[in-house]
Amino acid sequence: MQSTPPNHFELFSIAEQFNLDTSTLESNYRKIQSAAHPDRFITAPATERLSAMHLATSANEAYSVLKSPAKRAKYMLEQHGIDAIADTNTVMPMDFLMQQMEWRERIEDAKMARDISELDNIADELATEAKALVGDLCELFDIKQDLAAATEITRKLIFIDKVCADIDQVIEQLDH
């Protein structure tokens, strides 16, 4: 068993591309988890138990990264030496900055009004925007191999994921 795979894609025996088959990813993840399950190594030597534990841990981390489009894009950029969220990489298009401000204001207004329906509407808008960005990333990574443009789109997607998590947190607070 290999304890530190060269990369997440190789670990799951899938092509290194942004547009991946999530059902194959999930199936291969389950196979690794089953093969590395601690119950299979109860009587094994300590080195084998440790190796299985490292494989299971690596698989968990890799699966978490690859199943999330934003994390997958960030990871793919890192494989090329690009840190999408580096402090030196903060320039965003003005229209996107304005859109961010509008979303944040609407979220704050909905929070103050305790309007979960409006928060759901904003989350739906963000999901639509995220879906479009994921489509752009498929083309930028897999077809054009334009890492500079992919970096900008990845940063937008990471931001949208964060806003969605913030919305979920606000809804959870309002529900209690």
Protein backbone atom coordinates (compact mmCIF):
# COMPACT_ATOMS: atom_id res chain seq x y z
CA MET A 1 0.00 0.00 0.00
CA GLN A 2 1.23 3.45 -0.90
CA SER A 3 0.98 5.81 2.06
CA THR A 4 1.54 9.10 0.22
CA PRO A 5 0.06 9.13 -3.26
CA PRO A 6 1.70 11.36 -5.90
CA ASN A 7 -1.58 13.25 -6.30
CA HIS A 8 -5.28 12.97 -5.56
CA PHE A 9 -6.24 11.98 -9.10
CA GLU A 10 -3.76 9.10 -9.23
CA LEU A 11 -4.93 7.89 -5.82
CA PHE A 12 -8.41 7.33 -7.29
CA SER A 13 -7.17 6.18 -10.71
CA ILE A 14 -9.00 8.97 -12.54
CA ALA A 15 -7.86 11.34 -15.25
CA GLU A 16 -6.30 14.58 -14.03
CA GLN A 17 -8.93 16.95 -15.33
CA PHE A 18 -11.41 19.37 -13.84
CA ASN A 19 -14.50 17.75 -15.36
CA LEU A 20 -14.42 14.44 -13.58
CA ASP A 21 -16.90 11.63 -13.24
CA THR A 22 -18.10 12.00 -9.65
CA SER A 23 -19.65 8.53 -9.59
CA THR A 24 -16.28 6.97 -10.48
CA LEU A 25 -14.61 9.17 -7.87
CA GLU A 26 -17.09 8.01 -5.24
CA SER A 27 -16.84 4.36 -6.24
CA ASN A 28 -13.03 4.39 -6.17
CA TYR A 29 -13.09 6.23 -2.84
CA ARG A 30 -15.32 3.53 -1.34
CA LYS A 31 -13.01 0.78 -2.65
CA ILE A 32 -9.99 2.41 -0.99
CA GLN A 33 -11.89 2.96 2.26
CA SER A 34 -13.00 -0.66 2.27
CA ALA A 35 -9.50 -1.97 1.50
CA ALA A 36 -7.92 0.24 4.17
CA HIS A 37 -10.60 -0.28 6.84
CA PRO A 38 -9.03 -0.82 10.30
CA ASP A 39 -11.04 -4.03 10.84
CA ARG A 40 -9.06 -5.64 8.02
CA PHE A 41 -5.80 -4.94 9.85
CA ILE A 42 -6.57 -5.93 13.44
CA THR A 43 -4.03 -8.78 13.45
CA ALA A 44 -1.64 -7.19 10.94
CA PRO A 45 1.79 -5.91 11.95
CA ALA A 46 1.92 -2.31 13.20
CA THR A 47 3.55 -1.09 9.98
CA GLU A 48 0.67 -2.45 7.88
CA ARG A 49 -1.92 -0.95 10.24
CA LEU A 50 -0.15 2.41 10.03
CA SER A 51 0.11 2.20 6.26
CA ALA A 52 -3.63 1.43 5.98
CA MET A 53 -4.45 4.32 8.30
CA HIS A 54 -2.33 6.70 6.18
CA LEU A 55 -4.04 5.49 3.01
CA ALA A 56 -7.51 5.98 4.53
CA THR A 57 -6.55 9.46 5.75
CA SER A 58 -5.11 10.39 2.35
CA ALA A 59 -8.24 9.08 0.64
CA ASN A 60 -10.50 11.13 2.94
CA GLU A 61 -8.55 14.31 2.25
CA ALA A 62 -8.30 13.68 -1.50
CA TYR A 63 -12.00 12.85 -1.77
CA SER A 64 -12.95 16.01 0.12
CA VAL A 65 -10.84 18.08 -2.28
CA LEU A 66 -11.90 16.44 -5.53
CA LYS A 67 -15.65 16.32 -4.84
CA SER A 68 -15.77 20.11 -4.31
CA PRO A 69 -15.35 22.07 -7.57
CA ALA A 70 -13.75 25.06 -5.78
CA LYS A 71 -11.31 22.88 -3.82
CA ARG A 72 -10.57 20.79 -6.92
CA ALA A 73 -9.77 23.90 -8.97
CA LYS A 74 -7.58 25.31 -6.19
CA TYR A 75 -5.78 21.95 -5.91
CA MET A 76 -5.24 21.73 -9.68
CA LEU A 77 -3.74 25.21 -9.69
CA GLU A 78 -1.49 24.27 -6.76
CA GLN A 79 -0.23 21.32 -8.82
CA HIS A 80 1.07 23.98 -11.25
CA GLY A 81 2.57 26.13 -8.50
CA ILE A 82 -0.28 28.66 -8.41
CA ASP A 83 -1.86 29.75 -5.13
CA ALA A 84 -5.31 31.03 -6.11
CA ILE A 85 -5.85 32.69 -2.76
CA ALA A 86 -2.36 34.12 -2.18
CA ASP A 87 -2.20 37.57 -0.61
CA THR A 88 -0.49 38.76 -3.79
CA ASN A 89 -3.36 37.47 -5.92
CA THR A 90 -6.28 39.64 -4.80
CA VAL A 91 -7.28 41.63 -7.87
CA MET A 92 -10.88 40.95 -8.84
CA PRO A 93 -12.93 42.46 -11.68
CA MET A 94 -14.89 45.51 -10.55
CA ASP A 95 -18.24 44.03 -11.62
CA PHE A 96 -17.63 40.99 -9.44
CA LEU A 97 -16.61 43.17 -6.49
CA MET A 98 -19.83 45.13 -6.89
CA GLN A 99 -21.84 41.90 -7.08
CA GLN A 100 -20.13 40.68 -3.89
CA MET A 101 -21.11 43.86 -2.08
CA GLU A 102 -24.70 43.56 -3.29
CA TRP A 103 -24.94 39.93 -2.10
CA ARG A 104 -23.46 40.81 1.28
CA GLU A 105 -25.88 43.73 1.73
CA ARG A 106 -28.86 41.58 0.77
CA ILE A 107 -27.74 38.85 3.17
CA GLU A 108 -27.37 41.38 5.98
CA ASP A 109 -30.80 42.90 5.22
CA ALA A 110 -32.42 39.44 5.12
CA LYS A 111 -30.70 38.51 8.37
CA MET A 112 -31.99 41.66 10.09
CA ALA A 113 -35.49 41.01 8.72
CA ARG A 114 -35.21 37.31 9.67
CA ASP A 115 -36.24 36.55 6.07
CA ILE A 116 -35.16 32.96 5.41
CA SER A 117 -36.99 32.97 2.08
CA GLU A 118 -34.81 35.83 0.82
CA LEU A 119 -31.69 34.04 2.06
CA ASP A 120 -32.80 30.97 0.09
CA ASN A 121 -33.28 33.19 -3.00
CA ILE A 122 -29.75 34.57 -2.65
CA ALA A 123 -28.39 31.04 -2.18
CA ASP A 124 -30.19 29.97 -5.38
CA GLU A 125 -28.64 32.90 -7.27
CA LEU A 126 -25.22 31.95 -5.95
CA ALA A 127 -25.76 28.31 -6.96
CA THR A 128 -26.62 29.42 -10.50
CA GLU A 129 -23.53 31.63 -10.62
CA ALA A 130 -21.37 28.79 -9.24
CA LYS A 131 -22.71 26.38 -11.86
CA ALA A 132 -21.72 28.81 -14.63
CA LEU A 133 -18.24 29.22 -13.12
CA VAL A 134 -17.81 25.44 -12.91
CA GLY A 135 -18.67 25.25 -16.62
CA ASP A 136 -16.06 27.93 -17.32
CA LEU A 137 -13.48 26.00 -15.30
CA CYS A 138 -14.13 22.80 -17.27
CA GLU A 139 -13.27 24.69 -20.44
CA LEU A 140 -10.34 26.64 -18.98
CA PHE A 141 -8.63 23.63 -17.37
CA ASP A 142 -9.51 20.77 -19.70
CA ILE A 143 -9.71 22.42 -23.12
CA LYS A 144 -7.89 25.76 -23.18
CA GLN A 145 -5.46 24.99 -20.35
CA ASP A 146 -5.60 28.69 -19.46
CA LEU A 147 -4.37 28.68 -15.87
CA ALA A 148 -4.38 32.48 -15.50
CA ALA A 149 -8.09 32.70 -16.36
CA ALA A 150 -8.79 29.56 -14.32
CA THR A 151 -7.15 31.23 -11.30
CA GLU A 152 -9.51 34.21 -11.52
CA ILE A 153 -12.58 31.99 -11.90
CA THR A 154 -11.40 29.75 -9.04
CA ARG A 155 -11.13 32.75 -6.74
CA LYS A 156 -14.71 33.75 -7.64
CA LEU A 157 -15.93 30.21 -6.96
CA ILE A 158 -14.11 30.07 -3.60
CA PHE A 159 -15.77 33.37 -2.66
CA ILE A 160 -19.22 32.10 -3.67
CA ASP A 161 -18.68 28.92 -1.62
CA LYS A 162 -17.80 31.06 1.39
CA VAL A 163 -20.90 33.25 0.94
CA CYS A 164 -23.07 30.12 0.65
CA ALA A 165 -21.58 28.79 3.89
CA ASP A 166 -22.28 32.17 5.52
CA ILE A 167 -25.90 32.02 4.33
CA ASP A 168 -26.27 28.50 5.75
CA GLN A 169 -24.88 29.74 9.06
CA VAL A 170 -27.31 32.69 9.15
CA ILE A 171 -30.27 30.42 8.34
CA GLU A 172 -29.18 28.03 11.10
CA GLN A 173 -29.00 30.93 13.58
CA LEU A 174 -32.45 32.17 12.54
CA ASP A 175 -33.94 28.69 12.83
CA HIS A 176 -32.98 28.47 16.51
